């Protein structure tokens, strides 16, 4: 962000963007996390096979196991639907488009590489926590309390390092923004106006 001369930024927390505050802690004005995890407590049971993948030899068989577990149409759809009290609030084109894009040549391999590399993100969790403790950056964690991927323990854990963090658990799954767009939008606007 230095190349476009940004002085301050508000980050939507998803994991990948946490590298920015580690490099430019002074530039981050606030963090908004919608089921964006930074804590071991937030890794739900769904991660068990992926954790095994992290310590595997990354063989074709290892990759096939994760592809069959996480990259099927039903698996993609479940990321949107599971935990959502009213699945009709999720536009079917969301998960259908995600799956269609993933089916393009080479994309499943990219997704598998990302699943394997997520262990690098987990290895940095302690550095993220240190950043939170040192900066006391304002943080809004608005989280689908029924998410099985990043469970709500991850949202609540932010308060260990950021006692003033706002944690809002809503009746939603992983992609809470898909089913609770208006509610989340209002919470973000309120948070940013404080």
Protein backbone atom coordinates (compact mmCIF):
# COMPACT_ATOMS: atom_id res chain seq x y z
CA UNK A 1 0.00 0.00 0.00
CA UNK A 2 3.05 2.20 0.20
CA UNK A 3 3.16 2.49 -3.59
CA UNK A 4 -0.18 4.32 -3.57
CA UNK A 5 0.84 6.42 -0.55
CA UNK A 6 -1.91 5.32 1.85
CA UNK A 7 -1.30 6.75 5.29
CA UNK A 8 -3.91 4.75 7.22
CA UNK A 9 -6.07 1.75 6.40
CA UNK A 10 -9.01 -0.15 7.88
CA UNK A 11 -8.51 -3.87 7.26
CA UNK A 12 -11.22 -6.41 6.61
CA UNK A 13 -9.64 -9.35 8.46
CA UNK A 14 -9.50 -12.59 6.56
CA UNK A 15 -6.08 -13.99 7.32
CA UNK A 16 -3.97 -13.04 4.34
CA UNK A 17 -4.33 -9.34 5.08
CA UNK A 18 -2.85 -9.78 8.57
CA UNK A 19 0.61 -9.65 7.05
CA UNK A 20 0.12 -5.93 6.41
CA UNK A 21 -0.12 -4.85 10.07
CA UNK A 22 2.93 -6.94 10.89
CA UNK A 23 4.85 -4.86 8.36
CA UNK A 24 3.11 -1.48 8.90
CA UNK A 25 1.47 -1.53 12.34
CA UNK A 26 1.28 2.26 12.44
CA UNK A 27 -0.87 2.38 9.30
CA UNK A 28 -3.75 0.24 10.54
CA UNK A 29 -6.58 2.30 11.99
CA UNK A 30 -9.00 -0.57 12.69
CA UNK A 31 -9.70 -4.21 11.84
CA UNK A 32 -13.07 -5.67 10.91
CA UNK A 33 -13.27 -9.46 11.06
CA UNK A 34 -16.18 -11.43 9.65
CA UNK A 35 -15.24 -14.97 10.64
CA UNK A 36 -11.59 -14.11 9.99
CA UNK A 37 -9.63 -16.23 12.41
CA UNK A 38 -6.31 -15.56 14.14
CA UNK A 39 -6.48 -18.11 16.97
CA UNK A 40 -6.07 -21.87 17.39
CA UNK A 41 -9.34 -21.76 19.37
CA UNK A 42 -11.08 -20.78 16.16
CA UNK A 43 -10.09 -23.84 14.13
CA UNK A 44 -13.15 -26.10 14.13
CA UNK A 45 -13.17 -29.88 13.81
CA UNK A 46 -13.44 -29.50 10.04
CA UNK A 47 -9.70 -28.68 10.12
CA UNK A 48 -8.64 -32.15 11.39
CA UNK A 49 -7.98 -33.63 7.91
CA UNK A 50 -6.34 -30.39 6.80
CA UNK A 51 -4.02 -30.45 9.82
CA UNK A 52 -3.05 -34.00 8.78
CA UNK A 53 -2.37 -32.63 5.29
CA UNK A 54 -0.01 -30.02 6.78
CA UNK A 55 2.28 -32.76 8.10
CA UNK A 56 1.86 -35.10 5.13
CA UNK A 57 4.29 -35.69 2.29
CA UNK A 58 1.91 -33.78 -0.03
CA UNK A 59 1.55 -36.84 -2.26
CA UNK A 60 -1.14 -37.05 -4.94
CA UNK A 61 -3.08 -39.30 -2.54
CA UNK A 62 -2.82 -36.69 0.23
CA UNK A 63 -4.06 -34.01 -2.16
CA UNK A 64 -6.91 -36.19 -3.42
CA UNK A 65 -8.09 -36.74 0.15
CA UNK A 66 -8.39 -32.98 0.74
CA UNK A 67 -9.88 -32.33 -2.71
CA UNK A 68 -12.59 -34.91 -2.01
CA UNK A 69 -13.13 -33.42 1.44
CA UNK A 70 -13.16 -29.67 0.68
CA UNK A 71 -13.38 -29.08 -3.07
CA UNK A 72 -16.53 -30.87 -4.19
CA UNK A 73 -19.72 -29.03 -5.08
CA UNK A 74 -21.37 -30.24 -1.87
CA UNK A 75 -18.38 -29.13 0.23
CA UNK A 76 -18.39 -25.65 -1.32
CA UNK A 77 -22.15 -25.35 -0.88
CA UNK A 78 -21.91 -26.46 2.75
CA UNK A 79 -19.50 -23.60 3.50
CA UNK A 80 -22.34 -21.24 2.62
CA UNK A 81 -25.34 -23.19 3.92
CA UNK A 82 -24.20 -25.01 7.06
CA UNK A 83 -25.05 -23.06 10.18
CA UNK A 84 -27.41 -20.71 8.37
CA UNK A 85 -30.86 -20.95 10.01
CA UNK A 86 -32.66 -20.17 6.75
CA UNK A 87 -30.75 -21.47 3.75
CA UNK A 88 -33.06 -19.50 1.45
CA UNK A 89 -31.21 -16.37 2.61
CA UNK A 90 -28.14 -17.58 0.70
CA UNK A 91 -28.19 -16.81 -3.00
CA UNK A 92 -27.44 -20.11 -4.78
CA UNK A 93 -25.30 -18.29 -7.32
CA UNK A 94 -22.78 -17.58 -4.52
CA UNK A 95 -21.68 -21.16 -4.02
CA UNK A 96 -22.48 -22.16 -7.62
CA UNK A 97 -20.16 -19.47 -8.97
CA UNK A 98 -17.45 -20.34 -6.43
CA UNK A 99 -17.58 -23.95 -7.51
CA UNK A 100 -17.66 -23.08 -11.24
CA UNK A 101 -14.59 -20.88 -10.85
CA UNK A 102 -12.81 -23.58 -8.89
CA UNK A 103 -13.48 -26.04 -11.70
CA UNK A 104 -11.37 -24.02 -14.14
CA UNK A 105 -8.17 -25.80 -15.16
CA UNK A 106 -5.53 -25.62 -12.45
CA UNK A 107 -7.70 -23.96 -9.82
CA UNK A 108 -8.17 -27.03 -7.63
CA UNK A 109 -4.40 -27.40 -7.44
CA UNK A 110 -4.14 -23.76 -6.39
CA UNK A 111 -6.77 -24.32 -3.69
CA UNK A 112 -4.90 -27.38 -2.44
CA UNK A 113 -1.67 -25.36 -2.30
CA UNK A 114 -3.52 -22.71 -0.27
CA UNK A 115 -4.87 -25.31 2.16
CA UNK A 116 -1.34 -26.67 2.59
CA UNK A 117 0.15 -23.20 3.02
CA UNK A 118 -2.43 -22.14 5.61
CA UNK A 119 -0.12 -23.78 8.15
CA UNK A 120 2.18 -20.76 7.56
CA UNK A 121 -0.65 -18.49 8.66
CA UNK A 122 -1.23 -20.55 11.81
CA UNK A 123 2.51 -20.39 12.54
CA UNK A 124 2.18 -16.59 12.62
CA UNK A 125 -0.76 -16.51 15.04
CA UNK A 126 1.56 -15.64 17.96
CA UNK A 127 2.93 -12.67 16.00
CA UNK A 128 -0.62 -11.51 15.27
CA UNK A 129 -1.43 -11.75 18.99
CA UNK A 130 1.68 -9.74 19.85
CA UNK A 131 0.63 -7.09 17.33
CA UNK A 132 -2.86 -6.96 18.88
CA UNK A 133 -1.46 -6.63 22.43
CA UNK A 134 1.05 -3.94 21.46
CA UNK A 135 -1.22 -1.89 19.20
CA UNK A 136 -4.60 -2.24 20.91
CA UNK A 137 -6.05 -1.58 17.46
CA UNK A 138 -9.86 -1.20 17.47
CA UNK A 139 -11.38 -4.47 16.26
CA UNK A 140 -14.89 -5.56 15.39
CA UNK A 141 -15.30 -9.34 15.14
CA UNK A 142 -18.73 -10.08 13.74
CA UNK A 143 -19.04 -13.81 13.50
CA UNK A 144 -21.47 -16.50 12.49
CA UNK A 145 -21.84 -18.37 15.78
CA UNK A 146 -22.76 -21.56 13.89
CA UNK A 147 -19.63 -21.56 11.71
CA UNK A 148 -18.01 -25.01 11.74
CA UNK A 149 -14.89 -23.84 9.89
CA UNK A 150 -13.81 -20.94 12.11
CA UNK A 151 -15.75 -21.57 15.30
CA UNK A 152 -16.79 -18.71 17.55
CA UNK A 153 -14.00 -19.45 20.05
CA UNK A 154 -11.79 -17.63 17.55
CA UNK A 155 -13.95 -14.51 17.79
CA UNK A 156 -13.98 -14.58 21.58
CA UNK A 157 -10.20 -15.12 21.70
CA UNK A 158 -9.61 -11.64 20.26
CA UNK A 159 -10.58 -10.27 23.68
CA UNK A 160 -7.57 -12.05 25.24
CA UNK A 161 -5.28 -9.64 23.41
CA UNK A 162 -7.70 -6.78 22.72
CA UNK A 163 -9.90 -6.34 25.82
CA UNK A 164 -11.85 -3.54 24.11
CA UNK A 165 -12.54 -5.59 20.97
CA UNK A 166 -16.19 -5.75 19.98
CA UNK A 167 -17.32 -9.33 19.45
CA UNK A 168 -20.76 -9.85 17.92
CA UNK A 169 -22.00 -13.41 17.46
CA UNK A 170 -24.90 -13.71 15.04
CA UNK A 171 -27.12 -16.64 14.10
CA UNK A 172 -25.26 -17.52 10.91
CA UNK A 173 -22.67 -19.83 9.41
CA UNK A 174 -19.26 -19.21 7.84
CA UNK A 175 -20.31 -16.69 5.20
CA UNK A 176 -22.44 -14.60 7.55
CA UNK A 177 -22.25 -11.64 5.18
CA UNK A 178 -24.25 -13.65 2.65
CA UNK A 179 -27.23 -14.14 4.97
CA UNK A 180 -26.94 -11.04 7.16
CA UNK A 181 -25.71 -8.36 4.77
CA UNK A 182 -27.78 -5.50 6.18
CA UNK A 183 -27.09 -6.33 9.83
CA UNK A 184 -23.35 -6.63 9.25
CA UNK A 185 -23.29 -3.46 7.15
CA UNK A 186 -25.01 -1.52 9.94
CA UNK A 187 -22.60 -2.90 12.55
CA UNK A 188 -19.61 -1.89 10.43
CA UNK A 189 -20.95 1.64 9.90
CA UNK A 190 -21.68 2.00 13.63
CA UNK A 191 -18.23 0.69 14.55
CA UNK A 192 -16.47 3.04 12.14
CA UNK A 193 -18.46 6.04 13.35
CA UNK A 194 -17.49 5.51 17.02
